[in-house]
C-alpha atoms as a PDB file:
ATOM      1  CA  MET A   1      80.293 109.252  75.862  1.00  0.00           C
ATOM      2  CA  GLU A   2      80.754 112.904  76.785  1.00  0.00           C
ATOM      3  CA  PRO A   3      82.472 113.632  80.130  1.00  0.00           C
ATOM      4  CA  THR A   4      80.143 114.990  82.801  1.00  0.00           C
ATOM      5  CA  ILE A   5      80.794 118.363  84.427  1.00  0.00           C
ATOM      6  CA  ALA A   6      79.362 119.792  87.639  1.00  0.00           C
ATOM      7  CA  CYS A   7      79.849 123.205  89.249  1.00  0.00           C
ATOM      8  CA  VAL A   8      79.550 123.738  93.009  1.00  0.00           C
ATOM      9  CA  VAL A   9      79.013 127.266  94.336  1.00  0.00           C
ATOM     10  CA  PRO A  10      79.196 127.589  98.165  1.00  0.00           C
ATOM     11  CA  CYS A  11      77.123 130.562  99.344  1.00  0.00           C
ATOM     12  CA  HIS A  12      76.332 132.360 102.561  1.00  0.00           C
ATOM     13  CA  ASN A  13      74.306 135.549 102.098  1.00  0.00           C
ATOM     14  CA  GLU A  14      75.373 136.170  98.483  1.00  0.00           C
ATOM     15  CA  GLU A  15      72.112 137.395  96.925  1.00  0.00           C
ATOM     16  CA  ALA A  16      73.941 140.376  95.373  1.00  0.00           C
ATOM     17  CA  ALA A  17      76.304 138.188  93.337  1.00  0.00           C
ATOM     18  CA  VAL A  18      75.219 134.555  93.100  1.00  0.00           C
ATOM     19  CA  GLY A  19      72.826 135.128  90.187  1.00  0.00           C
ATOM     20  CA  LYS A  20      75.598 136.502  87.977  1.00  0.00           C
ATOM     21  CA  VAL A  21      77.986 133.695  88.971  1.00  0.00           C
ATOM     22  CA  VAL A  22      75.422 131.051  88.003  1.00  0.00           C
ATOM     23  CA  ARG A  23      74.602 132.745  84.697  1.00  0.00           C
ATOM     24  CA  ASP A  24      78.298 133.105  83.818  1.00  0.00           C
ATOM     25  CA  LEU A  25      78.912 129.435  84.595  1.00  0.00           C
ATOM     26  CA  ARG A  26      75.974 128.315  82.473  1.00  0.00           C
ATOM     27  CA  ALA A  27      77.178 130.483  79.596  1.00  0.00           C
ATOM     28  CA  ALA A  28      80.747 129.170  79.825  1.00  0.00           C
ATOM     29  CA  LEU A  29      79.745 125.533  80.444  1.00  0.00           C
ATOM     30  CA  PRO A  30      76.271 124.981  78.980  1.00  0.00           C
ATOM     31  CA  GLU A  31      76.587 121.222  79.404  1.00  0.00           C
ATOM     32  CA  ALA A  32      77.350 121.448  83.146  1.00  0.00           C
ATOM     33  CA  ILE A  33      74.940 121.160  86.061  1.00  0.00           C
ATOM     34  CA  VAL A  34      75.340 124.067  88.483  1.00  0.00           C
ATOM     35  CA  TYR A  35      74.738 123.392  92.186  1.00  0.00           C
ATOM     36  CA  VAL A  36      74.470 126.227  94.683  1.00  0.00           C
ATOM     37  CA  TYR A  37      75.033 124.995  98.223  1.00  0.00           C
ATOM     38  CA  ASP A  38      73.311 127.423 100.555  1.00  0.00           C
ATOM     39  CA  ASN A  39      75.160 127.658 103.862  1.00  0.00           C
ATOM     40  CA  ALA A  40      72.568 128.990 106.316  1.00  0.00           C
ATOM     41  CA  SER A  41      71.847 132.191 104.378  1.00  0.00           C
ATOM     42  CA  THR A  42      69.377 134.679 105.812  1.00  0.00           C
ATOM     43  CA  ASP A  43      68.845 136.721 102.638  1.00  0.00           C
ATOM     44  CA  ARG A  44      67.433 135.817  99.179  1.00  0.00           C
ATOM     45  CA  THR A  45      70.420 133.736  98.068  1.00  0.00           C
ATOM     46  CA  VAL A  46      68.283 130.626  97.494  1.00  0.00           C
ATOM     47  CA  GLU A  47      65.612 132.412  95.428  1.00  0.00           C
ATOM     48  CA  VAL A  48      68.159 134.285  93.298  1.00  0.00           C
ATOM     49  CA  ALA A  49      70.153 131.104  92.624  1.00  0.00           C
ATOM     50  CA  ARG A  50      67.044 129.189  91.542  1.00  0.00           C
ATOM     51  CA  GLU A  51      65.920 132.024  89.295  1.00  0.00           C
ATOM     52  CA  ALA A  52      69.348 131.939  87.592  1.00  0.00           C
ATOM     53  CA  GLY A  53      68.921 128.228  86.832  1.00  0.00           C
ATOM     54  CA  ALA A  54      70.917 126.503  89.573  1.00  0.00           C
ATOM     55  CA  ILE A  55      70.010 123.456  91.613  1.00  0.00           C
ATOM     56  CA  VAL A  56      69.995 124.579  95.263  1.00  0.00           C
ATOM     57  CA  ARG A  57      71.019 122.288  98.083  1.00  0.00           C
ATOM     58  CA  GLN A  58      71.319 123.040 101.774  1.00  0.00           C
ATOM     59  CA  GLU A  59      74.198 122.625 104.223  1.00  0.00           C
ATOM     60  CA  PRO A  60      73.043 124.013 107.595  1.00  0.00           C
ATOM     61  CA  ARG A  61      76.416 123.616 109.348  1.00  0.00           C
ATOM     62  CA  LYS A  62      78.184 126.906 108.763  1.00  0.00           C
ATOM     63  CA  GLY A  63      81.626 126.909 107.200  1.00  0.00           C
ATOM     64  CA  LYS A  64      82.943 126.492 103.680  1.00  0.00           C
ATOM     65  CA  GLY A  65      84.723 123.281 104.644  1.00  0.00           C
ATOM     66  CA  ASN A  66      81.407 121.747 105.665  1.00  0.00           C
ATOM     67  CA  VAL A  67      79.916 122.718 102.289  1.00  0.00           C
ATOM     68  CA  ILE A  68      82.809 121.158 100.367  1.00  0.00           C
ATOM     69  CA  ARG A  69      82.599 117.986 102.455  1.00  0.00           C
ATOM     70  CA  ARG A  70      78.880 117.663 101.680  1.00  0.00           C
ATOM     71  CA  ALA A  71      79.224 118.523  97.975  1.00  0.00           C
ATOM     72  CA  PHE A  72      82.133 116.145  97.392  1.00  0.00           C
ATOM     73  CA  ALA A  73      80.077 113.339  98.937  1.00  0.00           C
ATOM     74  CA  ASP A  74      76.887 114.146  96.989  1.00  0.00           C
ATOM     75  CA  VAL A  75      78.066 115.133  93.522  1.00  0.00           C
ATOM     76  CA  ALA A  76      79.663 112.735  91.040  1.00  0.00           C
ATOM     77  CA  ALA A  77      81.129 114.079  87.791  1.00  0.00           C
ATOM     78  CA  ASP A  78      84.194 113.590  85.620  1.00  0.00           C
ATOM     79  CA  ALA A  79      85.103 117.225  86.340  1.00  0.00           C
ATOM     80  CA  LEU A  80      83.888 119.122  89.396  1.00  0.00           C
ATOM     81  CA  LEU A  81      84.425 122.885  89.521  1.00  0.00           C
ATOM     82  CA  ILE A  82      84.171 124.939  92.693  1.00  0.00           C
ATOM     83  CA  ILE A  83      83.925 128.720  92.748  1.00  0.00           C
ATOM     84  CA  ASP A  84      82.903 131.207  95.424  1.00  0.00           C
ATOM     85  CA  GLY A  85      79.491 132.775  95.003  1.00  0.00           C
ATOM     86  CA  ASP A  86      80.698 136.348  95.585  1.00  0.00           C
ATOM     87  CA  ASP A  87      81.628 137.060  91.919  1.00  0.00           C
ATOM     88  CA  THR A  88      85.233 137.934  92.751  1.00  0.00           C
ATOM     89  CA  TYR A  89      86.532 135.235  90.364  1.00  0.00           C
ATOM     90  CA  ASP A  90      86.036 135.382  86.606  1.00  0.00           C
ATOM     91  CA  ALA A  91      83.496 132.579  86.094  1.00  0.00           C
ATOM     92  CA  SER A  92      83.660 133.043  82.314  1.00  0.00           C
ATOM     93  CA  ARG A  93      87.092 131.326  82.418  1.00  0.00           C
ATOM     94  CA  ALA A  94      85.542 128.074  83.636  1.00  0.00           C
ATOM     95  CA  ARG A  95      85.858 126.507  80.169  1.00  0.00           C
ATOM     96  CA  ASP A  96      89.633 127.109  80.176  1.00  0.00           C
ATOM     97  CA  LEU A  97      90.079 125.382  83.538  1.00  0.00           C
ATOM     98  CA  VAL A  98      87.919 122.397  82.591  1.00  0.00           C
ATOM     99  CA  ASN A  99      89.588 121.974  79.199  1.00  0.00           C
ATOM    100  CA  LEU A 100      93.029 121.984  80.810  1.00  0.00           C
ATOM    101  CA  LEU A 101      91.935 119.322  83.301  1.00  0.00           C
ATOM    102  CA  PHE A 102      90.956 116.984  80.453  1.00  0.00           C
ATOM    103  CA  ASP A 103      93.884 117.939  78.206  1.00  0.00           C
ATOM    104  CA  GLY A 104      96.492 117.088  80.881  1.00  0.00           C
ATOM    105  CA  PRO A 105      94.936 115.028  82.168  1.00  0.00           C
ATOM    106  CA  TYR A 106      95.276 116.657  85.572  1.00  0.00           C
ATOM    107  CA  ASP A 107      93.650 115.881  88.898  1.00  0.00           C
ATOM    108  CA  GLN A 108      93.461 119.544  89.907  1.00  0.00           C
ATOM    109  CA  VAL A 109      93.530 122.838  88.036  1.00  0.00           C
ATOM    110  CA  VAL A 110      93.779 125.950  90.208  1.00  0.00           C
ATOM    111  CA  GLY A 111      92.653 129.414  89.179  1.00  0.00           C
ATOM    112  CA  ALA A 112      95.634 131.425  90.444  1.00  0.00           C
ATOM    113  CA  ARG A 113      94.399 134.901  91.286  1.00  0.00           C
ATOM    114  CA  ARG A 114      95.534 137.914  89.270  1.00  0.00           C
ATOM    115  CA  VAL A 115      94.310 141.107  90.934  1.00  0.00           C
ATOM    116  CA  THR A 116      92.620 143.494  88.488  1.00  0.00           C
ATOM    117  CA  ASP A 117      90.851 145.911  90.861  1.00  0.00           C
ATOM    118  CA  ASP A 118      92.352 148.051  93.602  1.00  0.00           C
ATOM    119  CA  GLY A 119      90.936 146.888  96.888  1.00  0.00           C
ATOM    120  CA  ALA A 120      90.036 143.394  95.674  1.00  0.00           C
ATOM    121  CA  TYR A 121      92.853 141.869  97.694  1.00  0.00           C
ATOM    122  CA  ARG A 122      93.538 143.559 101.018  1.00  0.00           C
ATOM    123  CA  ALA A 123      97.198 144.000 101.968  1.00  0.00           C
ATOM    124  CA  GLY A 124      96.828 141.767 105.026  1.00  0.00           C
ATOM    125  CA  HIS A 125      95.288 138.983 102.969  1.00  0.00           C
ATOM    126  CA  ALA A 126      97.982 139.248 100.292  1.00  0.00           C
ATOM    127  CA  ALA A 127     100.799 139.106 102.852  1.00  0.00           C
ATOM    128  CA  GLY A 128      99.131 136.228 104.694  1.00  0.00           C
ATOM    129  CA  ASN A 129      98.627 134.282 101.472  1.00  0.00           C
ATOM    130  CA  LYS A 130     102.323 134.667 100.566  1.00  0.00           C
ATOM    131  CA  LEU A 131     103.422 133.647 104.054  1.00  0.00           C
ATOM    132  CA  LEU A 132     101.177 130.589 104.234  1.00  0.00           C
ATOM    133  CA  THR A 133     101.899 129.544 100.646  1.00  0.00           C
ATOM    134  CA  GLY A 134     105.626 129.816 101.388  1.00  0.00           C
ATOM    135  CA  ALA A 135     105.210 127.618 104.463  1.00  0.00           C
ATOM    136  CA  VAL A 136     103.393 124.947 102.453  1.00  0.00           C
ATOM    137  CA  ARG A 137     105.975 125.111  99.645  1.00  0.00           C
ATOM    138  CA  SER A 138     108.760 124.586 102.185  1.00  0.00           C
ATOM    139  CA  LEU A 139     107.053 121.650 103.880  1.00  0.00           C
ATOM    140  CA  PHE A 140     105.335 119.846 101.015  1.00  0.00           C
ATOM    141  CA  GLY A 141     106.704 121.017  97.652  1.00  0.00           C
ATOM    142  CA  ASN A 142     106.946 123.902  95.191  1.00  0.00           C
ATOM    143  CA  ASP A 143     104.020 123.087  92.886  1.00  0.00           C
ATOM    144  CA  VAL A 144     101.718 125.877  94.094  1.00  0.00           C
ATOM    145  CA  THR A 145     101.688 129.673  93.850  1.00  0.00           C
ATOM    146  CA  ASP A 146      98.185 130.491  95.188  1.00  0.00           C
ATOM    147  CA  MET A 147      97.353 128.041  97.926  1.00  0.00           C
ATOM    148  CA  LEU A 148      94.161 129.789  99.064  1.00  0.00           C
ATOM    149  CA  SER A 149      92.396 130.147  95.721  1.00  0.00           C
ATOM    150  CA  GLY A 150      88.725 129.162  95.865  1.00  0.00           C
ATOM    151  CA  TYR A 151      88.459 128.631  92.087  1.00  0.00           C
ATOM    152  CA  ARG A 152      89.417 125.059  91.178  1.00  0.00           C
ATOM    153  CA  VAL A 153      88.489 122.098  89.004  1.00  0.00           C
ATOM    154  CA  PHE A 154      88.985 118.520  90.198  1.00  0.00           C
ATOM    155  CA  SER A 155      88.916 115.089  88.641  1.00  0.00           C
ATOM    156  CA  GLN A 156      86.516 112.541  90.064  1.00  0.00           C
ATOM    157  CA  ARG A 157      89.396 110.547  91.518  1.00  0.00           C
ATOM    158  CA  PHE A 158      90.631 113.625  93.413  1.00  0.00           C
ATOM    159  CA  VAL A 159      87.160 114.316  94.809  1.00  0.00           C
ATOM    160  CA  LYS A 160      86.498 110.764  95.937  1.00  0.00           C
ATOM    161  CA  SER A 161      89.926 110.313  97.581  1.00  0.00           C
ATOM    162  CA  PHE A 162      89.903 113.692  99.360  1.00  0.00           C
ATOM    163  CA  PRO A 163      89.028 113.300 103.090  1.00  0.00           C
ATOM    164  CA  ALA A 164      87.552 116.837 103.474  1.00  0.00           C
ATOM    165  CA  LEU A 165      88.149 117.213 107.212  1.00  0.00           C
ATOM    166  CA  ALA A 166      88.289 121.025 107.338  1.00  0.00           C
ATOM    167  CA  ARG A 167      85.294 123.000 108.586  1.00  0.00           C
ATOM    168  CA  GLU A 168      85.826 126.539 107.322  1.00  0.00           C
ATOM    169  CA  PHE A 169      88.121 128.519 104.991  1.00  0.00           C
ATOM    170  CA  GLU A 170      91.089 126.261 105.674  1.00  0.00           C
ATOM    171  CA  THR A 171      89.604 123.742 103.219  1.00  0.00           C
ATOM    172  CA  GLU A 172      91.698 125.166 100.328  1.00  0.00           C
ATOM    173  CA  THR A 173      94.850 124.518 102.363  1.00  0.00           C
ATOM    174  CA  GLU A 174      93.746 120.933 102.886  1.00  0.00           C
ATOM    175  CA  MET A 175      93.088 120.507  99.142  1.00  0.00           C
ATOM    176  CA  THR A 176      96.519 121.876  98.256  1.00  0.00           C
ATOM    177  CA  ILE A 177      98.379 119.660 100.700  1.00  0.00           C
ATOM    178  CA  HIS A 178      96.369 116.596  99.638  1.00  0.00           C
ATOM    179  CA  ALA A 179      97.508 117.127  96.036  1.00  0.00           C
ATOM    180  CA  LEU A 180     101.110 117.873  96.987  1.00  0.00           C
ATOM    181  CA  HIS A 181     101.541 114.974  99.350  1.00  0.00           C
ATOM    182  CA  LEU A 182     100.061 112.421  96.935  1.00  0.00           C
ATOM    183  CA  ARG A 183     101.985 114.070  94.065  1.00  0.00           C
ATOM    184  CA  LEU A 184      98.793 114.448  92.055  1.00  0.00           C
ATOM    185  CA  PRO A 185      99.196 116.183  88.673  1.00  0.00           C
ATOM    186  CA  THR A 186      98.196 119.821  89.140  1.00  0.00           C
ATOM    187  CA  ALA A 187      98.163 122.876  86.888  1.00  0.00           C
ATOM    188  CA  GLU A 188      97.392 126.561  87.357  1.00  0.00           C
ATOM    189  CA  VAL A 189      95.591 129.088  85.176  1.00  0.00           C
ATOM    190  CA  ALA A 190      95.868 132.821  85.872  1.00  0.00           C
ATOM    191  CA  VAL A 191      92.372 134.264  86.394  1.00  0.00           C
ATOM    192  CA  ASP A 192      91.221 137.778  87.159  1.00  0.00           C
ATOM    193  CA  TYR A 193      90.329 138.551  90.761  1.00  0.00           C
ATOM    194  CA  ARG A 194      88.156 141.598  91.283  1.00  0.00           C
ATOM    195  CA  VAL A 195      86.385 143.518  93.994  1.00  0.00           C
ATOM    196  CA  ARG A 196      83.055 142.271  95.323  1.00  0.00           C
ATOM    197  CA  PRO A 197      79.891 143.764  93.830  1.00  0.00           C
ATOM    198  CA  ALA A 198      78.007 146.412  95.790  1.00  0.00           C
ATOM    199  CA  GLY A 199      76.035 144.845  98.616  1.00  0.00           C
ATOM    200  CA  GLY A 200      78.428 141.928  99.106  1.00  0.00           C
ATOM    201  CA  GLU A 201      80.274 141.387 102.379  1.00  0.00           C
ATOM    202  CA  SER A 202      83.492 139.424 102.818  1.00  0.00           C
ATOM    203  CA  LYS A 203      83.270 136.467 105.204  1.00  0.00           C
ATOM    204  CA  LEU A 204      87.058 136.368 105.665  1.00  0.00           C
ATOM    205  CA  ARG A 205      88.635 137.735 108.846  1.00  0.00           C
ATOM    206  CA  THR A 206      92.340 138.364 108.267  1.00  0.00           C
ATOM    207  CA  TYR A 207      93.778 137.441 111.663  1.00  0.00           C
ATOM    208  CA  ARG A 208      91.231 134.854 112.761  1.00  0.00           C
ATOM    209  CA  ASP A 209      91.246 132.906 109.498  1.00  0.00           C
ATOM    210  CA  GLY A 210      94.997 133.368 109.014  1.00  0.00           C
ATOM    211  CA  TRP A 211      95.632 131.877 112.442  1.00  0.00           C
ATOM    212  CA  ARG A 212      93.193 129.052 111.704  1.00  0.00           C
ATOM    213  CA  ILE A 213      94.954 128.240 108.417  1.00  0.00           C
ATOM    214  CA  LEU A 214      98.382 128.362 110.101  1.00  0.00           C
ATOM    215  CA  ARG A 215      97.141 125.898 112.710  1.00  0.00           C
ATOM    216  CA  VAL A 216      95.906 123.615 109.944  1.00  0.00           C
ATOM    217  CA  ILE A 217      99.324 123.753 108.247  1.00  0.00           C
ATOM    218  CA  LEU A 218     101.088 122.888 111.513  1.00  0.00           C
ATOM    219  CA  ASP A 219      98.629 120.088 112.230  1.00  0.00           C
ATOM    220  CA  LEU A 220      98.980 118.686 108.704  1.00  0.00           C
ATOM    221  CA  ALA A 221     102.765 118.904 109.003  1.00  0.00           C
ATOM    222  CA  ARG A 222     102.551 116.905 112.227  1.00  0.00           C
ATOM    223  CA  ARG A 223     100.351 114.282 110.555  1.00  0.00           C
ATOM    224  CA  GLU A 224     101.895 114.237 107.077  1.00  0.00           C
ATOM    225  CA  ARG A 225     105.573 114.825 107.964  1.00  0.00           C
ATOM    226  CA  PRO A 226     105.837 113.216 111.418  1.00  0.00           C
ATOM    227  CA  SER A 227     109.491 112.214 111.099  1.00  0.00           C
ATOM    228  CA  LEU A 228     110.470 115.826 110.330  1.00  0.00           C
ATOM    229  CA  VAL A 229     108.409 117.304 113.167  1.00  0.00           C
ATOM    230  CA  HIS A 230     109.544 114.733 115.718  1.00  0.00           C
ATOM    231  CA  THR A 231     113.171 115.047 114.638  1.00  0.00           C
ATOM    232  CA  VAL A 232     113.032 118.799 115.253  1.00  0.00           C
ATOM    233  CA  ILE A 233     111.421 118.331 118.676  1.00  0.00           C
ATOM    234  CA  ALA A 234     113.886 115.578 119.600  1.00  0.00           C
ATOM    235  CA  GLY A 235     116.778 117.743 118.449  1.00  0.00           C
ATOM    236  CA  VAL A 236     115.672 120.640 120.669  1.00  0.00           C
ATOM    237  CA  LEU A 237     115.297 118.326 123.680  1.00  0.00           C
ATOM    238  CA  ALA A 238     118.665 116.731 123.010  1.00  0.00           C
ATOM    239  CA  LEU A 239     120.295 120.167 122.825  1.00  0.00           C
ATOM    240  CA  VAL A 240     118.783 121.117 126.195  1.00  0.00           C
ATOM    241  CA  SER A 241     120.032 117.842 127.664  1.00  0.00           C
ATOM    242  CA  VAL A 242     123.547 118.429 126.352  1.00  0.00           C
ATOM    243  CA  VAL A 243     123.619 122.000 127.686  1.00  0.00           C
ATOM    244  CA  LEU A 244     122.569 120.744 131.138  1.00  0.00           C
ATOM    245  CA  GLY A 245     124.848 117.710 131.054  1.00  0.00           C
ATOM    246  CA  ILE A 246     128.145 119.256 129.923  1.00  0.00           C
ATOM    247  CA  PRO A 247     128.912 120.926 133.305  1.00  0.00           C
ATOM    248  CA  VAL A 248     128.050 117.656 135.093  1.00  0.00           C
ATOM    249  CA  ILE A 249     130.395 115.680 132.856  1.00  0.00           C
ATOM    250  CA  ALA A 250     133.118 118.331 133.266  1.00  0.00           C
ATOM    251  CA  ASP A 251     132.833 118.085 137.085  1.00  0.00           C
ATOM    252  CA  PHE A 252     133.022 114.290 136.923  1.00  0.00           C
ATOM    253  CA  VAL A 253     136.125 114.355 134.706  1.00  0.00           C
ATOM    254  CA  ARG A 254     137.823 116.876 136.989  1.00  0.00           C
ATOM    255  CA  THR A 255     136.864 115.484 140.426  1.00  0.00           C
ATOM    256  CA  GLY A 256     135.560 111.971 139.821  1.00  0.00           C
ATOM    257  CA  THR A 257     132.302 112.883 141.594  1.00  0.00           C
ATOM    258  CA  VAL A 258     128.847 114.063 140.556  1.00  0.00           C
ATOM    259  CA  PRO A 259     128.075 116.990 142.877  1.00  0.00           C
ATOM    260  CA  ARG A 260     125.114 118.109 140.697  1.00  0.00           C
ATOM    261  CA  LEU A 261     123.117 114.898 140.898  1.00  0.00           C
ATOM    262  CA  PRO A 262     119.667 116.492 140.292  1.00  0.00           C
ATOM    263  CA  THR A 263     120.999 118.210 137.150  1.00  0.00           C
ATOM    264  CA  ALA A 264     122.521 114.944 135.967  1.00  0.00           C
ATOM    265  CA  VAL A 265     119.213 113.099 136.450  1.00  0.00           C
ATOM    266  CA  LEU A 266     117.326 115.880 134.657  1.00  0.00           C
ATOM    267  CA  ALA A 267     119.736 115.848 131.696  1.00  0.00           C
ATOM    268  CA  ALA A 268     119.496 112.056 131.408  1.00  0.00           C
ATOM    269  CA  ALA A 269     115.686 112.169 131.601  1.00  0.00           C
ATOM    270  CA  ILE A 270     115.457 114.821 128.890  1.00  0.00           C
ATOM    271  CA  MET A 271     117.779 112.833 126.605  1.00  0.00           C
ATOM    272  CA  THR A 272     115.634 109.733 127.179  1.00  0.00           C
ATOM    273  CA  ILE A 273     112.515 111.694 126.261  1.00  0.00           C
ATOM    274  CA  ALA A 274     114.248 113.004 123.129  1.00  0.00           C
ATOM    275  CA  THR A 275     115.075 109.442 122.076  1.00  0.00           C
ATOM    276  CA  LEU A 276     111.480 108.316 122.630  1.00  0.00           C
ATOM    277  CA  VAL A 277     110.121 111.289 120.649  1.00  0.00           C
ATOM    278  CA  LEU A 278     112.429 110.412 117.757  1.00  0.00           C
ATOM    279  CA  LEU A 279     111.330 106.751 117.808  1.00  0.00           C
ATOM    280  CA  VAL A 280     107.648 107.751 117.904  1.00  0.00           C
ATOM    281  CA  GLY A 281     108.258 109.949 114.874  1.00  0.00           C
ATOM    282  CA  TYR A 282     109.643 107.025 112.869  1.00  0.00           C
ATOM    283  CA  ILE A 283     106.719 104.814 113.919  1.00  0.00           C
ATOM    284  CA  LEU A 284     104.212 107.495 112.874  1.00  0.00           C
ATOM    285  CA  GLU A 285     106.063 107.896 109.576  1.00  0.00           C
ATOM    286  CA  SER A 286     105.517 104.203 108.859  1.00  0.00           C
ATOM    287  CA  LEU A 287     101.815 104.497 109.717  1.00  0.00           C
ATOM    288  CA  MET A 288     101.535 107.580 107.536  1.00  0.00           C
ATOM    289  CA  HIS A 289     103.007 105.691 104.601  1.00  0.00           C
ATOM    290  CA  MET A 290     100.429 102.930 105.093  1.00  0.00           C
ATOM    291  CA  ARG A 291      97.599 105.486 105.137  1.00  0.00           C
ATOM    292  CA  GLN A 292      99.061 107.211 102.100  1.00  0.00           C
ATOM    293  CA  GLU A 293      99.139 103.921 100.230  1.00  0.00           C
ATOM    294  CA  GLN A 294      95.467 103.324 101.043  1.00  0.00           C
ATOM    295  CA  THR A 295      94.528 106.819  99.850  1.00  0.00           C
ATOM    296  CA  ARG A 296      96.503 106.261  96.671  1.00  0.00           C
ATOM    297  CA  LEU A 297      94.684 102.994  96.003  1.00  0.00           C
ATOM    298  CA  VAL A 298      91.323 104.724  96.455  1.00  0.00           C
ATOM    299  CA  HIS A 299      92.495 107.436  94.065  1.00  0.00           C
ATOM    300  CA  LEU A 300      93.534 104.849  91.466  1.00  0.00           C
ATOM    301  CA  SER A 301      90.210 103.007  91.712  1.00  0.00           C
ATOM    302  CA  TYR A 302      88.671 105.826  89.628  1.00  0.00           C
ATOM    303  CA  PRO A 303      89.651 106.416  85.987  1.00  0.00           C
ATOM    304  CA  ALA A 304      91.718 109.368  84.862  1.00  0.00           C
ATOM    305  CA  PRO A 305      89.823 112.331  83.345  1.00  0.00           C
ATOM    306  CA  ALA A 306      88.715 111.128  79.903  1.00  0.00           C
ATOM    307  CA  TYR A 307      90.037 113.042  76.931  1.00  0.00           C
ATOM    308  CA  SER A 308      87.353 114.236  74.534  1.00  0.00           C
ATOM    309  CA  PRO A 309      88.419 116.082  71.345  1.00  0.00           C
ATOM    310  CA  ARG A 310      84.966 117.606  71.056  1.00  0.00           C
ATOM    311  CA  LEU A 311      85.014 118.862  74.650  1.00  0.00           C
ATOM    312  CA  THR A 312      88.554 120.218  74.506  1.00  0.00           C
ATOM    313  CA  ALA A 313      88.082 122.131  71.287  1.00  0.00           C
ATOM    314  CA  ARG A 314      88.215 125.324  73.382  1.00  0.00           C
ATOM    315  CA  GLY A 315      84.461 125.643  73.218  1.00  0.00           C
ATOM    316  CA  ALA A 316      84.209 125.455  69.421  1.00  0.00           C
ATOM    317  CA  GLY A 317      80.697 124.298  68.589  1.00  0.00           C
ATOM    318  CA  ILE A 318      80.137 123.053  72.101  1.00  0.00           C
ATOM    319  CA  GLY A 319      76.770 124.749  72.403  1.00  0.00           C
ATOM    320  CA  ALA A 320      75.593 123.377  69.068  1.00  0.00           C
ATOM    321  CA  VAL A 321      77.062 119.883  69.437  1.00  0.00           C
ATOM    322  CA  SER A 322      76.442 118.906  73.030  1.00  0.00           C
ATOM    323  CA  GLY A 323      74.609 121.830  74.561  1.00  0.00           C
ATOM    324  CA  ARG A 324      71.183 120.768  73.284  1.00  0.00           C
ATOM    325  CA  LYS A 325      71.606 117.228  74.546  1.00  0.00           C
ATOM    326  CA  THR A 326      72.797 118.238  78.015  1.00  0.00           C
ATOM    327  CA  ALA A 327      70.433 121.189  78.388  1.00  0.00           C
ATOM    328  CA  ALA A 328      67.514 118.767  78.497  1.00  0.00           C
ATOM    329  CA  SER A 329      69.276 116.714  81.190  1.00  0.00           C
ATOM    330  CA  ARG A 330      69.922 119.868  83.205  1.00  0.00           C
ATOM    331  CA  ARG A 331      66.289 120.956  82.941  1.00  0.00           C
ATOM    332  CA  ASN A 332      65.165 117.516  84.090  1.00  0.00           C
ATOM    333  CA  ALA A 333      67.582 117.637  87.037  1.00  0.00           C
ATOM    334  CA  ILE A 334      66.369 121.108  88.017  1.00  0.00           C
ATOM    335  CA  ALA A 335      62.741 120.001  87.742  1.00  0.00           C
ATOM    336  CA  LEU A 336      63.448 116.933  89.883  1.00  0.00           C
ATOM    337  CA  ASP A 337      65.204 119.007  92.515  1.00  0.00           C
ATOM    338  CA  ALA A 338      62.334 121.498  92.580  1.00  0.00           C
ATOM    339  CA  GLU A 339      59.864 118.632  93.037  1.00  0.00           C
ATOM    340  CA  GLN A 340      61.918 117.254  95.919  1.00  0.00           C
ATOM    341  CA  GLN A 341      62.047 120.703  97.488  1.00  0.00           C
ATOM    342  CA  ARG A 342      58.247 120.945  97.372  1.00  0.00           C
ATOM    343  CA  ASP A 343      57.989 117.503  98.973  1.00  0.00           C
ATOM    344  CA  LEU A 344      60.370 118.557 101.728  1.00  0.00           C
ATOM    345  CA  GLU A 345      58.339 121.666 102.394  1.00  0.00           C
ATOM    346  CA  GLN A 346      55.221 119.467 102.695  1.00  0.00           C
ATOM    347  CA  GLY A 347      57.018 117.196 105.152  1.00  0.00           C
ATOM    348  CA  GLN A 348      57.114 114.157 102.886  1.00  0.00           C
ATOM    349  CA  GLU A 349      59.985 111.666 102.776  1.00  0.00           C
ATOM    350  CA  VAL A 350      62.252 112.190  99.797  1.00  0.00           C
ATOM    351  CA  SER A 351      64.960 109.874  98.537  1.00  0.00           C
ATOM    352  CA  PRO A 352      68.217 111.753  97.752  1.00  0.00           C
ATOM    353  CA  SER A 353      68.944 112.396  94.081  1.00  0.00           C
ATOM    354  CA  ASP A 354      72.158 111.235  92.499  1.00  0.00           C
ATOM    355  CA  GLY A 355      74.894 113.828  92.017  1.00  0.00           C
END
């Protein structure tokens, strides 16, 4: 049985580029089903995506994280590829990423960005990416070079064990840390990253989104490395207590009295708080390990990406061997989705289609 492949393209006002992205994906992966998740667009994104041959689904809550959360819940496939709909990533390399996922097998293959056009990657974004990637490498491991890439392929067991709690662009950070903390096998492929086509507008805001991602990293560090975070906080409190308490102890040794009683009480209280913070950290670490074990068991309940010599033949004969068989399935899926869309527009009740 051939492995199933799905492509998810999150879009918000991408009518200038989404058609080309869909066509490139269908050319690179003719056996895949391409889903465009429209995220409250106000232009012709939906019409252009349908004309290019994609199945269009709606996620009205704005934010890329909300789209990923919805898509990961709806779509089931042995390999699920995500790519931004702005045509900044080279969608023609999709076959390379998918093949590597099955060859590994890996749970995640990341398209690490290689800038090919001047202006494709603003200086602020490049510096922020290096800073944030360095922070994640220090906290969680060194298995990543482009933490914020939006071009990735996942195994089914990654998708179905990923909590998807992020709401906006911090979702890539959450994906990276999920893989690092569970020690999931991950690989990277260098892909070209180019400037947006004319008419496209970047949704990223350097300072706002950078601050949001930094907050996510700090929050994940608190949740995923509680013993480290609480040890640091307890250490700072203990240092303050020692600094306040040394003069009190010196006075007591010299005179046998405690003339600075308020300072002594404050130092003792701070040291007590430091001890409690440290104990809470160890308790949270135990709870985190229990949660991590549960996530790991969910991950293991799905099979590893199945190796297929025909699929991993670097595209040789793929259109002739399996393209005809899967093209019919894709046309049926598109026809079914179009029929459901008409029913929705007429106000009829529609049962959700399987991913």
